Protein backbone atom coordinates (compact mmCIF):
# COMPACT_ATOMS: atom_id res chain seq x y z
CA MET A 1 38.93 62.31 -19.47
CA ILE A 2 35.92 61.39 -21.58
CA ILE A 3 36.05 57.81 -22.86
CA THR A 4 33.71 56.65 -25.59
CA GLN A 5 32.68 53.15 -26.62
CA PRO A 6 34.19 50.80 -27.59
CA PHE A 7 37.30 52.03 -25.74
CA SER A 8 35.45 52.35 -22.41
CA GLU A 9 35.00 48.58 -22.15
CA LEU A 10 38.71 48.03 -22.81
CA VAL A 11 39.54 50.52 -20.08
CA ARG A 12 37.17 48.72 -17.70
CA LEU A 13 38.91 45.41 -18.42
CA ALA A 14 42.28 47.06 -17.82
CA LEU A 15 41.05 48.30 -14.44
CA VAL A 16 39.78 44.83 -13.53
CA PHE A 17 43.18 43.42 -14.48
CA LEU A 18 44.96 45.93 -12.25
CA CYS A 19 42.62 45.10 -9.41
CA THR A 20 42.75 41.33 -9.67
CA THR A 21 46.55 41.33 -9.92
CA LYS A 22 46.60 43.31 -6.66
CA LEU A 23 48.42 46.36 -8.03
CA THR A 24 46.81 48.43 -5.34
CA ILE A 25 48.95 51.54 -5.32
CA MET A 26 50.20 53.06 -8.55
CA LYS A 27 51.14 56.53 -9.61
CA LYS A 28 48.67 58.31 -11.86
CA THR A 29 51.31 58.47 -14.55
CA ASN A 30 51.64 54.69 -14.55
CA ILE A 31 47.87 54.26 -14.77
CA LEU A 32 47.68 56.68 -17.68
CA LEU A 33 50.58 54.94 -19.43
CA LEU A 34 48.78 51.61 -19.17
CA LEU A 35 45.55 53.11 -20.51
CA MET A 36 47.45 54.64 -23.42
CA LEU A 37 48.77 51.17 -24.23
CA VAL A 38 45.20 49.86 -24.12
CA PHE A 39 44.11 52.55 -26.58
CA VAL A 40 46.98 51.75 -28.95
CA SER A 41 46.26 48.04 -28.85
CA ALA A 42 42.59 48.74 -29.50
CA ALA A 43 43.48 50.42 -32.76
CA PHE A 44 44.90 47.11 -33.98
CA SER A 45 42.40 44.80 -32.33
CA GLN A 46 39.79 42.73 -34.05
CA LEU A 47 36.97 44.01 -31.80
CA THR A 48 34.60 45.60 -34.29
CA PRO A 49 31.01 46.72 -33.72
CA LEU A 50 28.16 44.64 -35.04
CA LYS A 51 27.21 45.73 -38.52
CA ASN A 52 23.94 47.55 -39.07
CA THR A 53 22.08 45.16 -41.33
CA ASN A 54 18.51 44.23 -42.11
CA GLN A 55 19.47 40.56 -41.92
CA LEU A 56 19.40 40.41 -38.13
CA ASN A 57 18.81 37.26 -36.16
CA ASN A 58 15.62 38.74 -34.73
CA SER A 59 13.11 36.43 -33.10
CA SER A 60 11.52 39.06 -30.88
CA THR A 61 8.89 40.48 -33.23
CA SER A 62 6.32 39.94 -30.46
CA GLU A 63 8.36 41.93 -27.95
CA SER A 64 6.28 43.62 -25.30
CA CYS A 65 7.29 46.01 -22.55
CA GLY A 66 6.01 45.90 -18.98
CA PHE A 67 6.84 49.55 -18.22
CA ASP A 68 3.33 50.97 -18.59
CA HIS A 69 1.91 48.45 -16.13
CA VAL A 70 4.53 48.83 -13.38
CA HIS A 71 4.85 52.61 -13.90
CA ASN A 72 1.10 53.26 -13.72
CA MET A 73 0.78 50.91 -10.76
CA LEU A 74 3.32 52.99 -8.83
CA LEU A 75 1.75 56.28 -9.93
CA ASN A 76 -1.49 55.08 -8.34
CA SER A 77 -0.02 53.51 -5.21
CA ASN A 78 3.19 55.37 -4.36
CA ALA A 79 2.82 59.08 -3.62
CA ASP A 80 6.59 59.69 -3.62
CA TYR A 81 7.09 58.07 -7.03
CA ARG A 82 4.16 60.05 -8.44
CA GLN A 83 5.43 63.34 -6.98
CA ARG A 84 8.97 62.81 -8.27
CA THR A 85 7.61 62.03 -11.73
CA GLU A 86 5.46 65.17 -11.74
CA ASP A 87 8.34 67.27 -10.42
CA PHE A 88 10.64 66.05 -13.18
CA ASN A 89 8.08 66.73 -15.91
CA ASN A 90 7.52 70.24 -14.56
CA PHE A 91 11.27 70.79 -14.27
CA MET A 92 11.70 69.87 -17.95
CA LYS A 93 9.35 72.64 -19.06
CA SER A 94 12.00 75.24 -18.18
CA TYR A 95 15.15 73.11 -18.39
CA ASN A 96 17.92 74.38 -20.65
CA ALA A 97 20.34 71.65 -21.67
CA PRO A 98 24.01 72.53 -21.05
CA LYS A 99 26.02 73.28 -24.17
CA SER A 100 29.06 71.26 -23.12
CA GLY A 101 29.08 67.70 -24.45
CA ALA A 102 29.71 65.72 -21.26
CA THR A 103 29.52 61.93 -21.35
CA TYR A 104 27.73 60.33 -18.40
CA VAL A 105 28.84 56.85 -17.28
CA VAL A 106 26.34 54.71 -15.36
CA PRO A 107 27.77 51.94 -13.12
CA VAL A 108 25.87 48.70 -13.73
CA VAL A 109 25.63 45.43 -11.83
CA VAL A 110 24.02 42.45 -13.55
CA HIS A 111 22.28 39.87 -11.36
CA VAL A 112 21.96 36.53 -13.16
CA MET A 113 19.00 34.80 -11.47
CA HIS A 114 19.65 31.28 -12.74
CA LYS A 115 18.07 27.87 -12.24
CA GLY A 116 21.19 26.00 -11.16
CA GLU A 117 22.78 25.45 -14.57
CA ALA A 118 26.52 25.64 -15.18
CA VAL A 119 27.83 29.06 -16.19
CA GLY A 120 27.24 29.61 -19.89
CA THR A 121 24.25 27.29 -20.16
CA GLY A 122 20.50 27.87 -19.86
CA SER A 123 19.53 30.83 -17.70
CA ASN A 124 23.07 31.17 -16.29
CA ILE A 125 24.41 33.15 -19.24
CA SER A 126 28.13 33.65 -19.70
CA GLU A 127 30.24 36.70 -18.92
CA VAL A 128 31.01 36.94 -22.64
CA ASP A 129 27.29 37.25 -23.40
CA ILE A 130 26.81 39.84 -20.68
CA ASN A 131 29.70 41.92 -22.05
CA GLN A 132 28.20 41.58 -25.53
CA GLY A 133 24.85 42.86 -24.28
CA ILE A 134 26.47 45.89 -22.65
CA LEU A 135 28.50 46.53 -25.81
CA GLN A 136 25.36 46.55 -27.98
CA LEU A 137 23.61 48.80 -25.46
CA ASN A 138 26.42 51.35 -25.66
CA GLU A 139 26.55 51.16 -29.45
CA ARG A 140 22.94 52.29 -29.48
CA PHE A 141 23.08 54.98 -26.80
CA ARG A 142 26.32 56.37 -28.28
CA LYS A 143 25.36 55.96 -31.96
CA ILE A 144 28.63 54.23 -32.83
CA PRO A 145 29.40 54.40 -36.59
CA GLY A 146 28.95 51.09 -38.39
CA SER A 147 27.12 49.50 -35.46
CA LEU A 148 23.50 48.57 -34.79
CA GLY A 149 23.05 52.04 -33.31
CA ASP A 150 24.23 53.94 -36.38
CA GLY A 151 20.84 55.35 -37.39
CA ASN A 152 19.63 58.88 -38.12
CA GLY A 153 19.30 59.86 -34.48
CA VAL A 154 21.73 61.39 -31.98
CA ASP A 155 24.51 60.29 -29.65
CA VAL A 156 22.79 60.40 -26.23
CA ASP A 157 26.15 60.79 -24.43
CA ILE A 158 25.22 58.16 -21.85
CA GLU A 159 27.06 54.87 -21.56
CA PHE A 160 26.85 51.95 -19.19
CA ALA A 161 29.82 50.21 -17.57
CA LEU A 162 29.94 47.06 -15.48
CA ALA A 163 31.19 48.06 -12.05
CA VAL A 164 34.79 47.26 -11.04
CA ARG A 165 34.19 47.93 -7.32
CA ASP A 166 31.50 46.19 -5.28
CA PRO A 167 29.69 47.95 -2.37
CA ASN A 168 32.50 46.87 0.00
CA GLY A 169 35.22 48.31 -2.22
CA ASN A 170 36.40 44.91 -3.44
CA CYS A 171 37.24 44.07 -7.05
CA THR A 172 34.35 42.82 -9.17
CA ASN A 173 33.42 42.09 -12.77
CA GLY A 174 30.00 43.65 -12.14
CA ILE A 175 28.20 40.30 -12.32
CA VAL A 176 26.38 38.51 -9.47
CA ARG A 177 25.14 34.95 -9.97
CA VAL A 178 22.23 33.83 -7.81
CA ASP A 179 21.16 30.18 -7.68
CA MET A 180 17.36 30.21 -7.44
CA THR A 181 16.86 26.43 -7.17
CA GLY A 182 15.61 26.84 -3.60
CA ASN A 183 12.64 28.94 -4.74
CA SER A 184 10.05 26.63 -6.31
CA THR A 185 7.82 29.50 -7.48
CA TYR A 186 10.66 31.08 -9.43
CA MET A 187 11.76 27.71 -10.79
CA ASN A 188 8.26 27.06 -12.13
CA PHE A 189 7.17 30.53 -13.28
CA GLY A 190 10.00 33.06 -13.02
CA VAL A 191 9.00 36.59 -11.97
CA GLN A 192 5.53 38.09 -12.30
CA ALA A 193 4.84 41.34 -14.13
CA GLN A 194 1.21 41.40 -15.26
CA THR A 195 -0.05 38.10 -13.84
CA SER A 196 0.13 36.27 -10.52
CA ASN A 197 2.49 33.63 -11.94
CA GLY A 198 5.97 33.92 -10.45
CA ILE A 199 7.66 35.66 -7.54
CA THR A 200 7.00 39.36 -7.09
CA ASP A 201 9.31 42.11 -8.26
CA ALA A 202 9.98 42.98 -4.61
CA ALA A 203 10.91 39.39 -3.76
CA LEU A 204 13.22 39.17 -6.76
CA LYS A 205 15.14 42.30 -5.84
CA ALA A 206 15.29 41.46 -2.13
CA THR A 207 17.22 38.31 -3.10
CA SER A 208 20.10 40.30 -4.58
CA ARG A 209 20.60 44.05 -4.63
CA TRP A 210 23.47 46.51 -4.62
CA ASN A 211 23.11 50.07 -3.34
CA THR A 212 20.60 51.66 -5.71
CA LEU A 213 22.15 55.09 -5.18
CA GLU A 214 25.50 53.89 -6.56
CA TYR A 215 24.64 51.14 -9.07
CA TYR A 216 21.95 50.54 -11.65
CA ASN A 217 20.77 46.99 -10.97
CA ILE A 218 19.86 44.77 -13.95
CA TYR A 219 18.16 41.44 -13.29
CA LEU A 220 18.36 38.69 -15.89
CA VAL A 221 15.57 36.19 -15.25
CA SER A 222 14.58 32.83 -16.67
CA GLU A 223 11.02 33.87 -17.51
CA ILE A 224 8.40 36.55 -16.89
CA ASP A 225 4.77 35.59 -16.25
CA ASP A 226 5.56 31.93 -16.97
CA ASN A 227 6.50 32.69 -20.61
CA GLU A 228 9.43 30.23 -20.81
CA CYS A 229 11.65 33.06 -22.09
CA GLY A 230 9.40 33.38 -25.15
CA PHE A 231 6.40 35.50 -26.13
CA GLY A 232 4.90 38.13 -23.85
CA ILE A 233 6.66 40.60 -21.56
CA GLN A 234 10.36 40.79 -22.40
CA GLY A 235 11.39 43.26 -19.72
CA TYR A 236 10.45 46.28 -17.63
CA ALA A 237 12.01 49.17 -15.76
CA TYR A 238 10.96 52.18 -13.70
CA PHE A 239 11.47 55.89 -14.26
CA ALA A 240 14.31 57.67 -12.49
CA SER A 241 11.62 58.55 -9.92
CA ALA A 242 12.60 55.19 -8.39
CA HIS A 243 16.23 56.23 -7.91
CA GLY A 244 17.58 55.08 -4.56
CA GLN A 245 14.54 52.94 -3.79
CA SER A 246 14.58 49.18 -3.17
CA TYR A 247 12.43 48.52 -6.25
CA ASP A 248 14.59 50.44 -8.72
CA GLY A 249 16.25 48.44 -11.48
CA MET A 250 15.49 46.69 -14.73
CA VAL A 251 14.25 43.13 -15.27
CA GLN A 252 14.82 41.31 -18.58
CA LEU A 253 14.63 37.81 -19.97
CA GLY A 254 18.24 36.60 -19.82
CA CYS A 255 17.94 34.62 -23.04
CA LYS A 256 17.45 37.87 -24.98
CA PHE A 257 20.17 39.94 -23.31
CA ALA A 258 22.94 39.40 -25.87
CA GLN A 259 20.75 38.39 -28.80
CA SER A 260 21.93 40.16 -31.93
CA GLY A 261 19.44 42.85 -32.90
CA ASN A 262 17.31 42.65 -29.76
CA THR A 263 16.55 46.15 -28.43
CA THR A 264 14.82 45.28 -25.14
CA LEU A 265 17.79 46.41 -23.02
CA THR A 266 18.05 49.74 -24.86
CA HIS A 267 14.28 50.29 -24.68
CA GLU A 268 14.01 49.59 -20.96
CA LEU A 269 17.04 51.71 -20.05
CA GLY A 270 15.40 54.50 -22.04
CA HIS A 271 12.56 54.24 -19.51
CA ALA A 272 15.11 54.24 -16.67
CA MET A 273 16.28 57.61 -18.04
CA ASN A 274 12.71 59.00 -17.99
CA LEU A 275 11.78 58.34 -21.62
CA TYR A 276 8.15 57.51 -22.30
CA HIS A 277 6.99 55.38 -25.17
CA THR A 278 6.76 57.58 -28.26
CA PHE A 279 3.07 56.66 -28.45
CA GLU A 280 2.35 57.70 -24.84
CA GLY A 281 -1.36 58.46 -24.46
CA ASP A 282 -2.63 56.28 -27.34
CA ASN A 283 -5.15 54.47 -25.10
CA ASN A 284 -3.63 51.04 -25.65
CA GLY A 285 -3.44 51.62 -29.38
CA ASN A 286 -7.07 52.67 -29.78
CA SER A 287 -6.75 56.42 -30.36
CA CYS A 288 -4.29 59.16 -31.24
CA PRO A 289 -2.50 60.79 -28.28
CA SER A 290 -3.44 64.36 -27.39
CA ASN A 291 -1.01 66.86 -28.87
CA THR A 292 -2.09 70.43 -28.13
CA SER A 293 1.17 70.91 -26.21
CA CYS A 294 4.04 68.62 -27.21
CA SER A 295 6.11 69.56 -24.16
CA SER A 296 3.45 68.52 -21.65
CA GLN A 297 1.51 65.77 -23.45
CA GLY A 298 2.36 62.47 -25.07
CA ASP A 299 6.02 61.53 -24.63
CA ARG A 300 6.87 65.21 -23.95
CA CYS A 301 9.42 65.24 -26.77
CA CYS A 302 8.49 67.67 -29.52
CA ASP A 303 10.59 65.98 -32.20
CA THR A 304 8.61 62.73 -32.03
CA PRO A 305 5.17 62.97 -33.66
CA PRO A 306 2.02 61.78 -31.86
CA HIS A 307 1.13 58.33 -33.15
CA ILE A 308 -0.53 55.04 -32.39
CA ARG A 309 1.88 52.29 -31.34
CA SER A 310 3.36 50.12 -34.07
CA ALA A 311 2.26 46.50 -34.06
CA SER A 312 5.74 44.98 -33.76
CA ASN A 313 6.55 45.51 -37.42
CA CYS A 314 8.19 48.00 -39.75
CA VAL A 315 5.02 49.85 -40.68
CA THR A 316 4.97 52.10 -43.75
CA GLY A 317 2.70 54.85 -45.00
CA THR A 318 1.44 58.03 -43.36
CA ASN A 319 0.63 58.94 -39.77
CA SER A 320 -3.09 59.65 -39.28
CA CYS A 321 -2.46 61.36 -35.94
CA ASP A 322 -0.70 64.48 -37.25
CA GLY A 323 -2.13 65.17 -40.67
CA GLY A 324 -0.21 62.63 -42.68
CA SER A 325 3.51 62.78 -41.87
CA SER A 326 5.61 59.75 -42.72
CA LYS A 327 5.66 56.84 -40.28
CA GLU A 328 9.42 56.89 -40.86
CA LEU A 329 9.49 59.64 -38.22
CA PHE A 330 8.77 57.17 -35.42
CA ILE A 331 9.25 53.54 -36.50
CA HIS A 332 13.04 53.78 -36.09
CA ASN A 333 12.79 55.04 -32.51
CA TYR A 334 13.86 52.69 -29.72
CA MET A 335 10.85 53.76 -27.65
CA ASP A 336 8.23 52.64 -30.20
CA TYR A 337 6.86 49.09 -30.49
CA SER A 338 8.12 48.64 -34.04
CA SER A 339 10.20 45.58 -34.85
CA ASP A 340 13.72 45.46 -33.45
CA ALA A 341 15.02 45.38 -37.02
CA CYS A 342 13.58 48.87 -37.61
CA GLN A 343 14.94 50.53 -34.49
CA SER A 344 18.17 52.51 -34.61
CA GLU A 345 17.73 55.93 -33.00
CA PHE A 346 16.94 58.30 -30.18
CA THR A 347 15.99 61.91 -30.98
CA ALA A 348 17.57 65.17 -29.79
CA ASP A 349 14.68 65.90 -27.39
CA GLN A 350 14.90 62.40 -25.96
CA LYS A 351 18.60 63.01 -25.34
CA VAL A 352 17.83 66.21 -23.44
CA ARG A 353 15.34 64.39 -21.24
CA ALA A 354 17.67 61.45 -20.62
CA ASN A 355 20.63 63.72 -19.84
CA ALA A 356 18.52 65.62 -17.32
CA ALA A 357 17.53 62.32 -15.68
CA ILE A 358 21.13 61.16 -15.23
CA SER A 359 22.65 64.53 -14.34
CA VAL A 360 19.90 65.59 -11.92
CA THR A 361 17.69 62.77 -10.62
CA ARG A 362 20.30 60.00 -10.90
CA ALA A 363 23.33 62.22 -10.27
CA SER A 364 24.62 60.02 -7.43
CA TYR A 365 25.73 57.47 -10.07
CA LEU A 366 28.38 59.84 -11.39
CA ALA A 367 32.07 59.66 -10.50
CA ALA A 368 32.13 63.45 -10.46
CA ASN A 369 29.84 63.26 -7.43
CA GLY A 370 32.06 60.78 -5.59
CA ASN A 371 30.76 57.43 -6.82
CA MET A 372 33.71 55.01 -6.93
CA ALA A 373 31.89 52.04 -8.55
CA CYS A 374 33.76 52.40 -11.84
CA LEU A 375 37.05 53.70 -10.42
CA LEU A 376 39.92 51.49 -9.29
CA TYR A 377 41.65 53.87 -6.91
CA THR A 378 41.30 57.24 -5.24
CA SER A 379 43.46 60.17 -6.29
CA ASP A 380 44.80 60.38 -2.74
CA ALA A 381 45.95 56.76 -2.75
CA ALA A 382 47.53 57.17 -6.17
CA ASP A 383 49.66 60.07 -4.98
CA GLU A 384 51.10 58.22 -2.00
């Protein structure tokens, strides 16, 4: 059964309820009956998507992404990561997207790396805020009507669900809270991305990690490069070339995770699904990307024009890199550096690339391949 947002989150909560109330063995028919009741109640609920409005509470106009730095660092230092990236790009040259409209569900675990505050204060953000962040993420990837993701792009058919099973098979809400007060470097500087201030990415992920073949690990941190959860790097992630490795996963400032209108989470998970910046190859904003072959240069998506990165604003006018097309063709894309308030879409070619990443490189996440992270029970147990 394909479940689309916002119903998928209600189903997840229903599964958590079943698990925590220790209803361990139920017939499939009873499970389906309960889920049908959830669907009916959802029709009358007051859970509505955030409205797509220009009056967003957006304080992240200086948002910056650490992907290029960590990605290029691994390309130069890690032969396996480099080879897997090259193999995927070559694979995409002859890849034919399947015609069936499958929806891929990615199991997620959120690690809250807090500074000792009570839950719901400071860097120890609440479960409500985490659920809100995941909701907004799915609204964008699934292009939910009336939501922040309801732009002119496409439904990517990928959604993200907090896990209901932990690596030991126990019930979970998909959230791990880690008290970092014993690490003075983290307490003073957070995690480092482009400077030497903070603990390393490897040290961060060694502190808390679930099986990277079964869960996508998201780390919410207090600060990056000593930025006090403010200006500078907002987050970073690796390509699917990192799948199954100890360093895979996304890092983001926790204070921005559920912020209305903030697109950092969507942007970084685009990278996790092998999406480049739309301005890939612009030499740090100094020149137009090469574009003699759109399938093998730039962002390798032929429906995004070559362009120089936007300067964190909603730029207008014409694009000097392709003969004068409208800048409207890229400023609304989640993978540009335009202001969050402008961003509302992925393109069809980006969807193809992302779907290939999840169905091929990251296929071990999928329930169809035996991953139980988002399933409450096995079919065998249910039939007993």
